């Protein structure tokens, strides 16, 4: 799994992390809601909702 991670993936992850951090500093409740939704979909695979 880690073998597929290259410079592009690392840059994308850093971009997402910095964007998330910026949004969190501006609007913390919305960031917490977004994290909760992401964790929910990670815990419950989306295929349960797709027929």
PDB file of N, CA and C in Angstrom:
ATOM      1  N   UNK A   1       0.838  -1.196   0.000  1.00  0.00           N
ATOM      2  CA  UNK A   1       0.000   0.000   0.000  1.00  0.00           C
ATOM      3  C   UNK A   1       0.879   1.255   0.000  1.00  0.00           C
ATOM      4  N   UNK A   2       1.924   1.252   0.801  1.00  0.00           N
ATOM      5  CA  UNK A   2       2.790   2.429   0.879  1.00  0.00           C
ATOM      6  C   UNK A   2       3.697   2.555  -0.336  1.00  0.00           C
ATOM      7  N   UNK A   3       3.850   1.463  -1.098  1.00  0.00           N
ATOM      8  CA  UNK A   3       4.740   1.504  -2.259  1.00  0.00           C
ATOM      9  C   UNK A   3       4.180   2.395  -3.365  1.00  0.00           C
ATOM     10  N   UNK A   4       2.858   2.633  -3.345  1.00  0.00           N
ATOM     11  CA  UNK A   4       2.244   3.433  -4.404  1.00  0.00           C
ATOM     12  C   UNK A   4       2.340   4.926  -4.117  1.00  0.00           C
ATOM     13  N   UNK A   5       2.839   5.290  -2.936  1.00  0.00           N
ATOM     14  CA  UNK A   5       2.912   6.705  -2.572  1.00  0.00           C
ATOM     15  C   UNK A   5       4.165   7.337  -3.166  1.00  0.00           C
ATOM     16  N   UNK A   6       3.962   8.339  -3.997  1.00  0.00           N
ATOM     17  CA  UNK A   6       5.082   9.039  -4.620  1.00  0.00           C
ATOM     18  C   UNK A   6       5.037  10.510  -4.262  1.00  0.00           C
ATOM     19  N   UNK A   7       5.912  11.301  -4.871  1.00  0.00           N
ATOM     20  CA  UNK A   7       5.951  12.747  -4.583  1.00  0.00           C
ATOM     21  C   UNK A   7       4.609  13.432  -4.816  1.00  0.00           C
ATOM     22  N   UNK A   8       3.908  13.012  -5.875  1.00  0.00           N
ATOM     23  CA  UNK A   8       2.628  13.652  -6.187  1.00  0.00           C
ATOM     24  C   UNK A   8       1.618  13.404  -5.070  1.00  0.00           C
ATOM     25  N   UNK A   9       1.580  12.160  -4.565  1.00  0.00           N
ATOM     26  CA  UNK A   9       0.639  11.840  -3.494  1.00  0.00           C
ATOM     27  C   UNK A   9       0.979  12.615  -2.226  1.00  0.00           C
ATOM     28  N   UNK A  10       2.289  12.735  -1.947  1.00  0.00           N
ATOM     29  CA  UNK A  10       2.708  13.460  -0.741  1.00  0.00           C
ATOM     30  C   UNK A  10       2.317  14.931  -0.841  1.00  0.00           C
ATOM     31  N   UNK A  11       2.524  15.526  -2.024  1.00  0.00           N
ATOM     32  CA  UNK A  11       2.164  16.937  -2.223  1.00  0.00           C
ATOM     33  C   UNK A  11       0.653  17.114  -2.096  1.00  0.00           C
ATOM     34  N   UNK A  12      -0.108  16.185  -2.669  1.00  0.00           N
ATOM     35  CA  UNK A  12      -1.565  16.271  -2.581  1.00  0.00           C
ATOM     36  C   UNK A  12      -2.014  16.157  -1.127  1.00  0.00           C
ATOM     37  N   UNK A  13      -1.404  15.237  -0.373  1.00  0.00           N
ATOM     38  CA  UNK A  13      -1.770  15.058   1.035  1.00  0.00           C
ATOM     39  C   UNK A  13      -1.440  16.319   1.835  1.00  0.00           C
ATOM     40  N   UNK A  14      -0.279  16.915   1.553  1.00  0.00           N
ATOM     41  CA  UNK A  14       0.098  18.148   2.263  1.00  0.00           C
ATOM     42  C   UNK A  14      -0.860  19.281   1.908  1.00  0.00           C
ATOM     43  N   UNK A  15      -1.262  19.342   0.641  1.00  0.00           N
ATOM     44  CA  UNK A  15      -2.201  20.377   0.228  1.00  0.00           C
ATOM     45  C   UNK A  15      -3.539  20.221   0.934  1.00  0.00           C
ATOM     46  N   UNK A  16      -4.038  18.982   0.975  1.00  0.00           N
ATOM     47  CA  UNK A  16      -5.303  18.730   1.661  1.00  0.00           C
ATOM     48  C   UNK A  16      -5.179  19.040   3.144  1.00  0.00           C
ATOM     49  N   UNK A  17      -4.052  18.646   3.751  1.00  0.00           N
ATOM     50  CA  UNK A  17      -3.858  18.878   5.185  1.00  0.00           C
ATOM     51  C   UNK A  17      -3.805  20.377   5.491  1.00  0.00           C
ATOM     52  N   UNK A  18      -3.073  21.134   4.667  1.00  0.00           N
ATOM     53  CA  UNK A  18      -2.960  22.575   4.907  1.00  0.00           C
ATOM     54  C   UNK A  18      -4.302  23.266   4.668  1.00  0.00           C
ATOM     55  N   UNK A  19      -5.030  22.811   3.650  1.00  0.00           N
ATOM     56  CA  UNK A  19      -6.356  23.378   3.388  1.00  0.00           C
ATOM     57  C   UNK A  19      -7.288  23.087   4.557  1.00  0.00           C
ATOM     58  N   UNK A  20      -7.258  21.842   5.026  1.00  0.00           N
ATOM     59  CA  UNK A  20      -8.091  21.460   6.172  1.00  0.00           C
ATOM     60  C   UNK A  20      -7.732  22.268   7.406  1.00  0.00           C
ATOM     61  N   UNK A  21      -6.432  22.481   7.627  1.00  0.00           N
ATOM     62  CA  UNK A  21      -5.996  23.251   8.794  1.00  0.00           C
ATOM     63  C   UNK A  21      -6.472  24.699   8.687  1.00  0.00           C
ATOM     64  N   UNK A  22      -6.368  25.273   7.483  1.00  0.00           N
ATOM     65  CA  UNK A  22      -6.818  26.648   7.291  1.00  0.00           C
ATOM     66  C   UNK A  22      -8.313  26.785   7.530  1.00  0.00           C
ATOM     67  N   UNK A  23      -9.085  25.841   7.001  1.00  0.00           N
ATOM     68  CA  UNK A  23     -10.539  25.869   7.203  1.00  0.00           C
ATOM     69  C   UNK A  23     -10.864  25.676   8.678  1.00  0.00           C
ATOM     70  N   UNK A  24     -10.116  24.783   9.342  1.00  0.00           N
ATOM     71  CA  UNK A  24     -10.375  24.509  10.756  1.00  0.00           C
ATOM     72  C   UNK A  24     -10.124  25.759  11.603  1.00  0.00           C
ATOM     73  N   UNK A  25      -9.077  26.517  11.258  1.00  0.00           N
ATOM     74  CA  UNK A  25      -8.774  27.729  12.033  1.00  0.00           C
ATOM     75  C   UNK A  25      -9.848  28.787  11.826  1.00  0.00           C
ATOM     76  N   UNK A  26     -10.434  28.809  10.610  1.00  0.00           N
ATOM     77  CA  UNK A  26     -11.448  29.823  10.315  1.00  0.00           C
ATOM     78  C   UNK A  26     -12.810  29.388  10.868  1.00  0.00           C
ATOM     79  N   UNK A  27     -13.140  28.114  10.660  1.00  0.00           N
ATOM     80  CA  UNK A  27     -14.468  27.636  11.034  1.00  0.00           C
ATOM     81  C   UNK A  27     -14.348  26.249  11.651  1.00  0.00           C
ATOM     82  N   UNK A  28     -14.038  26.204  12.940  1.00  0.00           N
ATOM     83  CA  UNK A  28     -13.785  24.935  13.618  1.00  0.00           C
ATOM     84  C   UNK A  28     -14.988  23.991  13.626  1.00  0.00           C
ATOM     85  N   UNK A  29     -16.206  24.452  13.935  1.00  0.00           N
ATOM     86  CA  UNK A  29     -17.348  23.517  13.953  1.00  0.00           C
ATOM     87  C   UNK A  29     -17.563  22.811  12.618  1.00  0.00           C
ATOM     88  N   UNK A  30     -17.437  23.547  11.519  1.00  0.00           N
ATOM     89  CA  UNK A  30     -17.631  22.933  10.206  1.00  0.00           C
ATOM     90  C   UNK A  30     -16.556  21.886   9.947  1.00  0.00           C
ATOM     91  N   UNK A  31     -15.328  22.168  10.392  1.00  0.00           N
ATOM     92  CA  UNK A  31     -14.238  21.212  10.203  1.00  0.00           C
ATOM     93  C   UNK A  31     -14.506  19.946  11.010  1.00  0.00           C
ATOM     94  N   UNK A  32     -15.008  20.101  12.228  1.00  0.00           N
ATOM     95  CA  UNK A  32     -15.308  18.933  13.064  1.00  0.00           C
ATOM     96  C   UNK A  32     -16.421  18.103  12.432  1.00  0.00           C
ATOM     97  N   UNK A  33     -17.414  18.775  11.870  1.00  0.00           N
ATOM     98  CA  UNK A  33     -18.499  18.055  11.195  1.00  0.00           C
ATOM     99  C   UNK A  33     -17.951  17.288  10.000  1.00  0.00           C
ATOM    100  N   UNK A  34     -17.072  17.932   9.225  1.00  0.00           N
ATOM    101  CA  UNK A  34     -16.499  17.278   8.050  1.00  0.00           C
ATOM    102  C   UNK A  34     -15.689  16.054   8.460  1.00  0.00           C
ATOM    103  N   UNK A  35     -14.884  16.189   9.521  1.00  0.00           N
ATOM    104  CA  UNK A  35     -14.086  15.051  10.001  1.00  0.00           C
ATOM    105  C   UNK A  35     -15.009  13.932  10.461  1.00  0.00           C
ATOM    106  N   UNK A  36     -16.084  14.283  11.144  1.00  0.00           N
ATOM    107  CA  UNK A  36     -17.034  13.269  11.603  1.00  0.00           C
ATOM    108  C   UNK A  36     -17.664  12.523  10.441  1.00  0.00           C
ATOM    109  N   UNK A  37     -18.027  13.254   9.387  1.00  0.00           N
ATOM    110  CA  UNK A  37     -18.622  12.615   8.208  1.00  0.00           C
ATOM    111  C   UNK A  37     -17.618  11.677   7.544  1.00  0.00           C
ATOM    112  N   UNK A  38     -16.366  12.138   7.426  1.00  0.00           N
ATOM    113  CA  UNK A  38     -15.335  11.304   6.803  1.00  0.00           C
ATOM    114  C   UNK A  38     -15.107  10.039   7.619  1.00  0.00           C
ATOM    115  N   UNK A  39     -15.012  10.178   8.941  1.00  0.00           N
ATOM    116  CA  UNK A  39     -14.802   9.009   9.804  1.00  0.00           C
ATOM    117  C   UNK A  39     -15.991   8.061   9.703  1.00  0.00           C
ATOM    118  N   UNK A  40     -17.206   8.628   9.598  1.00  0.00           N
ATOM    119  CA  UNK A  40     -18.397   7.790   9.478  1.00  0.00           C
ATOM    120  C   UNK A  40     -18.348   6.956   8.207  1.00  0.00           C
ATOM    121  N   UNK A  41     -17.971   7.594   7.089  1.00  0.00           N
ATOM    122  CA  UNK A  41     -17.921   6.864   5.823  1.00  0.00           C
ATOM    123  C   UNK A  41     -16.753   5.891   5.783  1.00  0.00           C
ATOM    124  N   UNK A  42     -15.701   6.153   6.574  1.00  0.00           N
ATOM    125  CA  UNK A  42     -14.600   5.188   6.655  1.00  0.00           C
ATOM    126  C   UNK A  42     -15.040   3.980   7.475  1.00  0.00           C
ATOM    127  N   UNK A  43     -15.833   4.236   8.523  1.00  0.00           N
ATOM    128  CA  UNK A  43     -16.294   3.147   9.385  1.00  0.00           C
ATOM    129  C   UNK A  43     -17.389   2.338   8.692  1.00  0.00           C
ATOM    130  N   UNK A  44     -18.270   3.036   7.962  1.00  0.00           N
ATOM    131  CA  UNK A  44     -19.361   2.361   7.251  1.00  0.00           C
ATOM    132  C   UNK A  44     -19.105   2.488   5.754  1.00  0.00           C
ATOM    133  N   UNK A  45     -18.698   1.396   5.101  1.00  0.00           N
ATOM    134  CA  UNK A  45     -18.400   1.454   3.663  1.00  0.00           C
ATOM    135  C   UNK A  45     -19.588   1.988   2.864  1.00  0.00           C
ATOM    136  N   UNK A  46     -19.346   2.858   1.880  1.00  0.00           N
ATOM    137  CA  UNK A  46     -20.417   3.472   1.085  1.00  0.00           C
ATOM    138  C   UNK A  46     -21.275   2.450   0.344  1.00  0.00           C
ATOM    139  N   UNK A  47     -20.721   1.229   0.088  1.00  0.00           N
ATOM    140  CA  UNK A  47     -21.491   0.267  -0.695  1.00  0.00           C
ATOM    141  C   UNK A  47     -22.756  -0.176   0.033  1.00  0.00           C
ATOM    142  N   UNK A  48     -22.862   0.116   1.330  1.00  0.00           N
ATOM    143  CA  UNK A  48     -24.089  -0.208   2.049  1.00  0.00           C
ATOM    144  C   UNK A  48     -25.235   0.691   1.584  1.00  0.00           C
ATOM    145  N   UNK A  49     -24.880   1.877   1.073  1.00  0.00           N
ATOM    146  CA  UNK A  49     -25.900   2.834   0.661  1.00  0.00           C
ATOM    147  C   UNK A  49     -26.183   2.761  -0.835  1.00  0.00           C
ATOM    148  N   UNK A  50     -25.287   2.134  -1.574  1.00  0.00           N
ATOM    149  CA  UNK A  50     -25.458   2.035  -3.028  1.00  0.00           C
ATOM    150  C   UNK A  50     -26.059   0.684  -3.376  1.00  0.00           C
ATOM    151  N   UNK A  51     -27.165   0.717  -4.134  1.00  0.00           N
ATOM    152  CA  UNK A  51     -27.818  -0.553  -4.476  1.00  0.00           C
ATOM    153  C   UNK A  51     -27.222  -1.128  -5.740  1.00  0.00           C
TER     154      UNK A  51
END
